[in-house]
Structures are given as C-alpha cells and as structure tokens.
Amino acid sequence: MAPENTLSAFRAAEAAGADGVELDVHLSRDGIPIVIHDADVQRTTDGRGSVAAMLSGELKRLDAGSWFGPAFRAERIPTLGETLDWVQDRLRVNVEIKTAAAAEAVLRLLKDFPASRVLISSFDHNLLRQIRQHHSSIPLGFVVESLFWRRALRKAVLCQAESLHPRRDRVSSAMVGAAHRCRLKIYPWTLNDPASALTLQGLGVDGIFTDHPDRMIQLLRNTGQIQ
C-alpha cells in the first residue's frame, strides 16, 4: 500500500484498521535510531551506502518513496522518535532490533515516550535476554525462523517474554499449544495469503503480521472471526 518503514505506510496501516505496526531500526553515524529495514540504503532510497556510515541529517535528505511509486516521491526515512511522536498511543509499535547498540539507543529514547505501546523483538535471542536483565517490564517478542522452535520457546519463557513470532510455515498446533501453555502469544509472519491466514487462525494464533491489513481484516469479517 505504501513504501515500507515510512510514515505513509504506518498511516495506511492505521487507516486500514491494523492494531499495530512493525518496523526495523538501525543506528545512524550520530547514534540516532533510524526506521529502515536494511543495513544500507540502496534498496529503499535514492542513496547509496550504509546507514551506520551516514549522519541522520544525510539520511533524512534521501528519497525513500519514489522506488515504490510516483505518489510517494520525496517520502523521507523517519527516525524512531518521529514515528513514536506521530503514533502516540493509538497503535502498538513492534520495534525489531538487530544490535546491542541499537537496543540501548531505543530504550533510552522510550523514556521520552511513556505513553507509547512498544514491544521489542529480535532474531537475536541472547540480545533479548540481555535487555531483560536490565529492563524488567519492557514487552519482548522472540522472532523464530528455525525448525528448533522449542529452544526459542524455552528462552522466551525464561525471559518472561510476551510473544513468539514464528515464520508462517513453522507454525503448528504443537507450537501454538506449547506457547499458550507457557502464556506466550503467537504472532506469525508474514501472511498475505487468505487461505494460509484462515488455516493459522484455525490453529489458534493470536494475531498475524501482514502487508495487507485491509484485505485480512475484510477476510476475518467475511468469515465471522471479527465484527
């Protein structure tokens, strides 16, 4: 609907009725949490180079929308601070982090946004464990791609995480049951196919990540899953 990891995308998700948004964070050269998926800027902007090698001001001058369509020309890369300032407490914000430095910067920033409903997620489960050691109440989500999901489940339980985020084709009734017995929610990614969404809904997942919240919400309404 809009270029990924931009305020236009987050506005579109809210307008479609999504409960929250997922975003990725990398640090700029001057230590600012920047909302962008890749470690470099080539794929989603008109620039070149790594995020870590560029100042936040340089990153803000890049066009992050033209690649998606002419209507988004001059769309800017948002900082995490700008995103949280825009969203306030209206939506849940799932912040995926990849490095300890980014985690520290994000957690410092969150002190300025006490009303924000943020969940920190990562593929790096050791990093999530380190976060939990210093922050007892921040909600955590363990992203899972491996077949060995029980190992991730055990780590999530030890960290008193909120949720497990498995790749959609890793989800099974055994996984959902085990997670729920441990009081963990299950949010699989990324579901854009209606048939797959209904299958996982039948397994009892608690929500899904999707690029098309409008379609998925309509599907759930049509099947009586939501009003």
C-alpha atoms as a PDB file:
ATOM      1  CA  MET A   1       0.000   0.000   0.000  1.00  0.00           C
ATOM      2  CA  ALA A   2       2.977   2.321   0.663  1.00  0.00           C
ATOM      3  CA  PRO A   3       6.785   2.167   0.832  1.00  0.00           C
ATOM      4  CA  GLU A   4       7.931   0.064   3.765  1.00  0.00           C
ATOM      5  CA  ASN A   5       9.117   1.590   7.032  1.00  0.00           C
ATOM      6  CA  THR A   6       7.733   5.056   6.266  1.00  0.00           C
ATOM      7  CA  LEU A   7       5.140   7.238   7.927  1.00  0.00           C
ATOM      8  CA  SER A   8       2.952   6.831   4.829  1.00  0.00           C
ATOM      9  CA  ALA A   9       2.955   3.079   5.397  1.00  0.00           C
ATOM     10  CA  PHE A  10       2.094   3.483   9.067  1.00  0.00           C
ATOM     11  CA  ARG A  11      -0.731   5.901   8.247  1.00  0.00           C
ATOM     12  CA  ALA A  12      -2.086   3.428   5.688  1.00  0.00           C
ATOM     13  CA  ALA A  13      -1.949   0.604   8.245  1.00  0.00           C
ATOM     14  CA  GLU A  14      -3.863   2.674  10.777  1.00  0.00           C
ATOM     15  CA  ALA A  15      -6.456   3.682   8.176  1.00  0.00           C
ATOM     16  CA  ALA A  16      -6.901   0.015   7.226  1.00  0.00           C
ATOM     17  CA  GLY A  17      -7.669  -0.904  10.822  1.00  0.00           C
ATOM     18  CA  ALA A  18      -4.410  -2.564  11.869  1.00  0.00           C
ATOM     19  CA  ASP A  19      -3.835  -2.967  15.596  1.00  0.00           C
ATOM     20  CA  GLY A  20      -0.182  -2.035  15.275  1.00  0.00           C
ATOM     21  CA  VAL A  21       2.831  -1.644  13.027  1.00  0.00           C
ATOM     22  CA  GLU A  22       6.152  -3.461  12.796  1.00  0.00           C
ATOM     23  CA  LEU A  23       9.318  -1.555  11.985  1.00  0.00           C
ATOM     24  CA  ASP A  24      13.065  -2.080  11.905  1.00  0.00           C
ATOM     25  CA  VAL A  25      15.763   0.088  13.433  1.00  0.00           C
ATOM     26  CA  HIS A  26      19.394   0.785  12.578  1.00  0.00           C
ATOM     27  CA  LEU A  27      21.607   3.477  14.091  1.00  0.00           C
ATOM     28  CA  SER A  28      22.925   6.400  12.090  1.00  0.00           C
ATOM     29  CA  ARG A  29      26.538   7.519  12.400  1.00  0.00           C
ATOM     30  CA  ASP A  30      25.479  10.010  15.093  1.00  0.00           C
ATOM     31  CA  GLY A  31      23.609   7.331  17.064  1.00  0.00           C
ATOM     32  CA  ILE A  32      20.008   8.143  16.089  1.00  0.00           C
ATOM     33  CA  PRO A  33      17.581   5.196  15.749  1.00  0.00           C
ATOM     34  CA  ILE A  34      16.540   5.231  12.091  1.00  0.00           C
ATOM     35  CA  VAL A  35      13.489   3.337  10.830  1.00  0.00           C
ATOM     36  CA  ILE A  36      14.757   1.241   7.920  1.00  0.00           C
ATOM     37  CA  HIS A  37      14.902  -2.500   7.276  1.00  0.00           C
ATOM     38  CA  ASP A  38      18.276  -2.908   5.607  1.00  0.00           C
ATOM     39  CA  ALA A  39      21.702  -2.006   6.953  1.00  0.00           C
ATOM     40  CA  ASP A  40      22.255   0.014   3.769  1.00  0.00           C
ATOM     41  CA  VAL A  41      20.051   2.457   1.893  1.00  0.00           C
ATOM     42  CA  GLN A  42      20.255   1.268  -1.733  1.00  0.00           C
ATOM     43  CA  ARG A  43      17.113  -0.859  -1.929  1.00  0.00           C
ATOM     44  CA  THR A  44      14.607   1.610  -0.495  1.00  0.00           C
ATOM     45  CA  THR A  45      16.058   5.074  -1.235  1.00  0.00           C
ATOM     46  CA  ASP A  46      17.832   7.002  -3.964  1.00  0.00           C
ATOM     47  CA  GLY A  47      21.091   6.924  -1.977  1.00  0.00           C
ATOM     48  CA  ARG A  48      23.969   4.521  -1.534  1.00  0.00           C
ATOM     49  CA  GLY A  49      25.959   3.406   1.474  1.00  0.00           C
ATOM     50  CA  SER A  50      25.406   2.005   4.933  1.00  0.00           C
ATOM     51  CA  VAL A  51      23.090   3.576   7.482  1.00  0.00           C
ATOM     52  CA  ALA A  52      25.842   3.414  10.093  1.00  0.00           C
ATOM     53  CA  ALA A  53      28.190   5.485   7.891  1.00  0.00           C
ATOM     54  CA  MET A  54      25.713   8.350   7.371  1.00  0.00           C
ATOM     55  CA  LEU A  55      24.596  11.145   9.684  1.00  0.00           C
ATOM     56  CA  SER A  56      20.894  11.323  10.491  1.00  0.00           C
ATOM     57  CA  GLY A  57      20.648  14.624   8.586  1.00  0.00           C
ATOM     58  CA  GLU A  58      22.083  12.971   5.471  1.00  0.00           C
ATOM     59  CA  LEU A  59      19.653  10.085   5.771  1.00  0.00           C
ATOM     60  CA  LYS A  60      16.725  12.478   6.150  1.00  0.00           C
ATOM     61  CA  ARG A  61      17.520  14.054   2.778  1.00  0.00           C
ATOM     62  CA  LEU A  62      17.122  10.786   0.882  1.00  0.00           C
ATOM     63  CA  ASP A  63      14.020   9.956  -1.159  1.00  0.00           C
ATOM     64  CA  ALA A  64      12.527   6.803   0.367  1.00  0.00           C
ATOM     65  CA  GLY A  65       9.344   6.677  -1.714  1.00  0.00           C
ATOM     66  CA  SER A  66       9.958   7.041  -5.442  1.00  0.00           C
ATOM     67  CA  TRP A  67      11.019   3.408  -5.782  1.00  0.00           C
ATOM     68  CA  PHE A  68       7.504   2.405  -4.703  1.00  0.00           C
ATOM     69  CA  GLY A  69       5.574   4.853  -6.857  1.00  0.00           C
ATOM     70  CA  PRO A  70       5.454   8.486  -8.023  1.00  0.00           C
ATOM     71  CA  ALA A  71       2.793   9.370  -5.432  1.00  0.00           C
ATOM     72  CA  PHE A  72       5.425   8.833  -2.729  1.00  0.00           C
ATOM     73  CA  ARG A  73       8.172  10.926  -4.288  1.00  0.00           C
ATOM     74  CA  ALA A  74      10.217  12.715  -1.616  1.00  0.00           C
ATOM     75  CA  GLU A  75       8.945  10.443   1.184  1.00  0.00           C
ATOM     76  CA  ARG A  76      11.587  10.585   3.922  1.00  0.00           C
ATOM     77  CA  ILE A  77      13.136   7.941   6.134  1.00  0.00           C
ATOM     78  CA  PRO A  78      11.643   8.545   9.588  1.00  0.00           C
ATOM     79  CA  THR A  79      13.533   8.391  12.828  1.00  0.00           C
ATOM     80  CA  LEU A  80      12.069   6.236  15.552  1.00  0.00           C
ATOM     81  CA  GLY A  81      11.427   9.382  17.582  1.00  0.00           C
ATOM     82  CA  GLU A  82       9.379  10.909  14.766  1.00  0.00           C
ATOM     83  CA  THR A  83       7.409   7.681  14.427  1.00  0.00           C
ATOM     84  CA  LEU A  84       6.606   7.434  18.131  1.00  0.00           C
ATOM     85  CA  ASP A  85       5.685  11.113  18.204  1.00  0.00           C
ATOM     86  CA  TRP A  86       3.226  10.519  15.364  1.00  0.00           C
ATOM     87  CA  VAL A  87       1.695   7.281  16.667  1.00  0.00           C
ATOM     88  CA  GLN A  88       1.325   8.343  20.327  1.00  0.00           C
ATOM     89  CA  ASP A  89      -0.672   5.526  21.984  1.00  0.00           C
ATOM     90  CA  ARG A  90      -3.022   4.778  19.061  1.00  0.00           C
ATOM     91  CA  LEU A  91      -1.183   1.716  17.757  1.00  0.00           C
ATOM     92  CA  ARG A  92       1.114  -0.964  19.123  1.00  0.00           C
ATOM     93  CA  VAL A  93       4.643  -0.494  17.779  1.00  0.00           C
ATOM     94  CA  ASN A  94       6.775  -3.602  17.289  1.00  0.00           C
ATOM     95  CA  VAL A  95      10.398  -2.441  17.073  1.00  0.00           C
ATOM     96  CA  GLU A  96      12.706  -5.087  15.626  1.00  0.00           C
ATOM     97  CA  ILE A  97      16.322  -4.574  16.646  1.00  0.00           C
ATOM     98  CA  LYS A  98      19.458  -6.277  15.385  1.00  0.00           C
ATOM     99  CA  THR A  99      22.310  -4.966  17.551  1.00  0.00           C
ATOM    100  CA  ALA A 100      23.032  -4.199  21.193  1.00  0.00           C
ATOM    101  CA  ALA A 101      23.892  -0.602  20.311  1.00  0.00           C
ATOM    102  CA  ALA A 102      20.511  -0.125  18.638  1.00  0.00           C
ATOM    103  CA  ALA A 103      18.785  -1.679  21.651  1.00  0.00           C
ATOM    104  CA  GLU A 104      20.467   0.743  24.040  1.00  0.00           C
ATOM    105  CA  ALA A 105      19.532   3.744  21.888  1.00  0.00           C
ATOM    106  CA  VAL A 106      15.928   2.597  21.524  1.00  0.00           C
ATOM    107  CA  LEU A 107      15.491   2.016  25.238  1.00  0.00           C
ATOM    108  CA  ARG A 108      16.924   5.446  26.026  1.00  0.00           C
ATOM    109  CA  LEU A 109      14.523   7.016  23.555  1.00  0.00           C
ATOM    110  CA  LEU A 110      11.494   5.242  25.012  1.00  0.00           C
ATOM    111  CA  LYS A 111      11.920   7.216  28.235  1.00  0.00           C
ATOM    112  CA  ASP A 112      10.721  10.263  26.265  1.00  0.00           C
ATOM    113  CA  PHE A 113       7.557   8.439  25.127  1.00  0.00           C
ATOM    114  CA  PRO A 114       5.973   6.953  28.261  1.00  0.00           C
ATOM    115  CA  ALA A 115       2.574   6.554  26.590  1.00  0.00           C
ATOM    116  CA  SER A 116       3.930   4.520  23.668  1.00  0.00           C
ATOM    117  CA  ARG A 117       2.883   0.879  23.470  1.00  0.00           C
ATOM    118  CA  VAL A 118       6.158  -0.637  22.307  1.00  0.00           C
ATOM    119  CA  LEU A 119       7.258  -4.259  22.026  1.00  0.00           C
ATOM    120  CA  ILE A 120      10.924  -5.052  21.308  1.00  0.00           C
ATOM    121  CA  SER A 121      11.516  -8.038  19.048  1.00  0.00           C
ATOM    122  CA  SER A 122      14.600  -9.673  17.577  1.00  0.00           C
ATOM    123  CA  PHE A 123      16.023 -12.786  15.953  1.00  0.00           C
ATOM    124  CA  ASP A 124      18.910 -12.385  18.413  1.00  0.00           C
ATOM    125  CA  HIS A 125      17.549 -14.127  21.483  1.00  0.00           C
ATOM    126  CA  ASN A 126      20.698 -13.542  23.521  1.00  0.00           C
ATOM    127  CA  LEU A 127      20.247  -9.836  22.929  1.00  0.00           C
ATOM    128  CA  LEU A 128      16.672 -10.062  24.215  1.00  0.00           C
ATOM    129  CA  ARG A 129      17.966 -11.875  27.289  1.00  0.00           C
ATOM    130  CA  GLN A 130      20.429  -9.037  27.921  1.00  0.00           C
ATOM    131  CA  ILE A 131      17.639  -6.485  27.586  1.00  0.00           C
ATOM    132  CA  ARG A 132      15.534  -8.369  30.098  1.00  0.00           C
ATOM    133  CA  GLN A 133      18.392  -8.391  32.618  1.00  0.00           C
ATOM    134  CA  HIS A 134      18.315  -4.581  32.725  1.00  0.00           C
ATOM    135  CA  HIS A 135      14.665  -3.859  31.899  1.00  0.00           C
ATOM    136  CA  SER A 136      12.189  -5.965  33.808  1.00  0.00           C
ATOM    137  CA  SER A 137       8.967  -4.713  32.267  1.00  0.00           C
ATOM    138  CA  ILE A 138       9.580  -3.992  28.563  1.00  0.00           C
ATOM    139  CA  PRO A 139       7.492  -6.409  26.419  1.00  0.00           C
ATOM    140  CA  LEU A 140       9.656  -8.767  24.352  1.00  0.00           C
ATOM    141  CA  GLY A 141       8.913 -10.823  21.236  1.00  0.00           C
ATOM    142  CA  PHE A 142      11.135 -13.725  20.139  1.00  0.00           C
ATOM    143  CA  VAL A 143      11.310 -13.932  16.331  1.00  0.00           C
ATOM    144  CA  VAL A 144      11.704 -17.549  15.181  1.00  0.00           C
ATOM    145  CA  GLU A 145      12.777 -18.922  11.806  1.00  0.00           C
ATOM    146  CA  SER A 146      14.495 -22.139  12.855  1.00  0.00           C
ATOM    147  CA  LEU A 147      12.832 -25.540  12.936  1.00  0.00           C
ATOM    148  CA  PHE A 148      14.041 -25.820  16.533  1.00  0.00           C
ATOM    149  CA  TRP A 149      11.333 -23.587  17.942  1.00  0.00           C
ATOM    150  CA  ARG A 150      11.227 -25.319  21.321  1.00  0.00           C
ATOM    151  CA  ARG A 151      14.654 -23.897  22.128  1.00  0.00           C
ATOM    152  CA  ALA A 152      13.383 -20.405  21.383  1.00  0.00           C
ATOM    153  CA  LEU A 153      10.260 -21.093  23.419  1.00  0.00           C
ATOM    154  CA  ARG A 154      12.324 -22.038  26.455  1.00  0.00           C
ATOM    155  CA  LYS A 155      14.395 -18.865  26.154  1.00  0.00           C
ATOM    156  CA  ALA A 156      11.253 -16.768  25.764  1.00  0.00           C
ATOM    157  CA  VAL A 157       9.761 -18.274  28.909  1.00  0.00           C
ATOM    158  CA  LEU A 158      12.954 -17.643  30.892  1.00  0.00           C
ATOM    159  CA  CYS A 159      12.887 -14.009  29.748  1.00  0.00           C
ATOM    160  CA  GLN A 160       9.207 -13.632  30.614  1.00  0.00           C
ATOM    161  CA  ALA A 161       8.560 -12.589  27.032  1.00  0.00           C
ATOM    162  CA  GLU A 162       5.131 -11.636  25.789  1.00  0.00           C
ATOM    163  CA  SER A 163       5.150 -13.435  22.469  1.00  0.00           C
ATOM    164  CA  LEU A 164       6.730 -15.781  19.957  1.00  0.00           C
ATOM    165  CA  HIS A 165       6.914 -14.568  16.340  1.00  0.00           C
ATOM    166  CA  PRO A 166       7.446 -17.633  14.105  1.00  0.00           C
ATOM    167  CA  ARG A 167       7.800 -17.702  10.342  1.00  0.00           C
ATOM    168  CA  ARG A 168       4.393 -18.623   8.975  1.00  0.00           C
ATOM    169  CA  ASP A 169       5.445 -22.060   7.672  1.00  0.00           C
ATOM    170  CA  ARG A 170       6.923 -23.024  11.052  1.00  0.00           C
ATOM    171  CA  VAL A 171       3.602 -22.770  12.893  1.00  0.00           C
ATOM    172  CA  SER A 172       1.960 -25.980  14.060  1.00  0.00           C
ATOM    173  CA  SER A 173      -0.718 -26.973  16.531  1.00  0.00           C
ATOM    174  CA  ALA A 174       2.071 -28.280  18.788  1.00  0.00           C
ATOM    175  CA  MET A 175       3.800 -24.895  18.761  1.00  0.00           C
ATOM    176  CA  VAL A 176       0.612 -22.947  19.448  1.00  0.00           C
ATOM    177  CA  GLY A 177      -0.379 -25.280  22.253  1.00  0.00           C
ATOM    178  CA  ALA A 178       3.054 -25.192  23.883  1.00  0.00           C
ATOM    179  CA  ALA A 179       3.227 -21.412  23.678  1.00  0.00           C
ATOM    180  CA  HIS A 180      -0.227 -20.939  25.147  1.00  0.00           C
ATOM    181  CA  ARG A 181       0.529 -23.326  27.998  1.00  0.00           C
ATOM    182  CA  CYS A 182       3.503 -21.062  28.761  1.00  0.00           C
ATOM    183  CA  ARG A 183       1.269 -17.975  28.491  1.00  0.00           C
ATOM    184  CA  LEU A 184       3.011 -16.750  25.359  1.00  0.00           C
ATOM    185  CA  LYS A 185       1.092 -15.281  22.440  1.00  0.00           C
ATOM    186  CA  ILE A 186       1.810 -16.408  18.863  1.00  0.00           C
ATOM    187  CA  TYR A 187       2.137 -13.858  16.045  1.00  0.00           C
ATOM    188  CA  PRO A 188       3.355 -15.482  12.788  1.00  0.00           C
ATOM    189  CA  TRP A 189       4.928 -13.550   9.888  1.00  0.00           C
ATOM    190  CA  THR A 190       4.267 -12.589   7.104  1.00  0.00           C
ATOM    191  CA  LEU A 191       0.801 -13.706   5.992  1.00  0.00           C
ATOM    192  CA  ASN A 192      -0.630 -12.251   2.801  1.00  0.00           C
ATOM    193  CA  ASP A 193      -2.465 -15.325   1.515  1.00  0.00           C
ATOM    194  CA  PRO A 194      -6.084 -15.626   2.752  1.00  0.00           C
ATOM    195  CA  ALA A 195      -6.092 -19.428   2.829  1.00  0.00           C
ATOM    196  CA  SER A 196      -2.943 -19.542   4.964  1.00  0.00           C
ATOM    197  CA  ALA A 197      -4.330 -16.872   7.273  1.00  0.00           C
ATOM    198  CA  LEU A 198      -7.506 -18.886   7.849  1.00  0.00           C
ATOM    199  CA  THR A 199      -5.502 -22.061   8.452  1.00  0.00           C
ATOM    200  CA  LEU A 200      -3.386 -20.395  11.125  1.00  0.00           C
ATOM    201  CA  GLN A 201      -6.445 -18.710  12.588  1.00  0.00           C
ATOM    202  CA  GLY A 202      -7.879 -22.202  12.994  1.00  0.00           C
ATOM    203  CA  LEU A 203      -4.737 -23.291  14.837  1.00  0.00           C
ATOM    204  CA  GLY A 204      -5.372 -20.559  17.385  1.00  0.00           C
ATOM    205  CA  VAL A 205      -2.721 -17.939  16.661  1.00  0.00           C
ATOM    206  CA  ASP A 206      -3.269 -14.651  18.486  1.00  0.00           C
ATOM    207  CA  GLY A 207      -2.628 -12.354  15.525  1.00  0.00           C
ATOM    208  CA  ILE A 208      -0.634 -12.074  12.315  1.00  0.00           C
ATOM    209  CA  PHE A 209       1.874  -9.865  10.554  1.00  0.00           C
ATOM    210  CA  THR A 210       0.691  -8.900   7.075  1.00  0.00           C
ATOM    211  CA  ASP A 211       1.483  -6.435   4.308  1.00  0.00           C
ATOM    212  CA  HIS A 212      -2.263  -6.155   3.598  1.00  0.00           C
ATOM    213  CA  PRO A 213      -4.183  -5.416   6.807  1.00  0.00           C
ATOM    214  CA  ASP A 214      -7.152  -4.159   4.798  1.00  0.00           C
ATOM    215  CA  ARG A 215      -7.573  -7.498   2.997  1.00  0.00           C
ATOM    216  CA  MET A 216      -7.003  -9.582   6.103  1.00  0.00           C
ATOM    217  CA  ILE A 217      -9.461  -7.592   8.207  1.00  0.00           C
ATOM    218  CA  GLN A 218     -12.104  -7.928   5.490  1.00  0.00           C
ATOM    219  CA  LEU A 219     -11.422 -11.664   5.301  1.00  0.00           C
ATOM    220  CA  LEU A 220     -11.919 -12.050   9.051  1.00  0.00           C
ATOM    221  CA  ARG A 221     -15.129 -10.072   8.868  1.00  0.00           C
ATOM    222  CA  ASN A 222     -16.441 -12.170   5.984  1.00  0.00           C
ATOM    223  CA  THR A 223     -15.754 -15.362   7.922  1.00  0.00           C
ATOM    224  CA  GLY A 224     -17.255 -14.056  11.150  1.00  0.00           C
ATOM    225  CA  GLN A 225     -13.965 -14.010  13.037  1.00  0.00           C
ATOM    226  CA  ILE A 226     -14.356 -10.328  13.898  1.00  0.00           C
ATOM    227  CA  GLN A 227     -17.209  -7.818  13.715  1.00  0.00           C
END
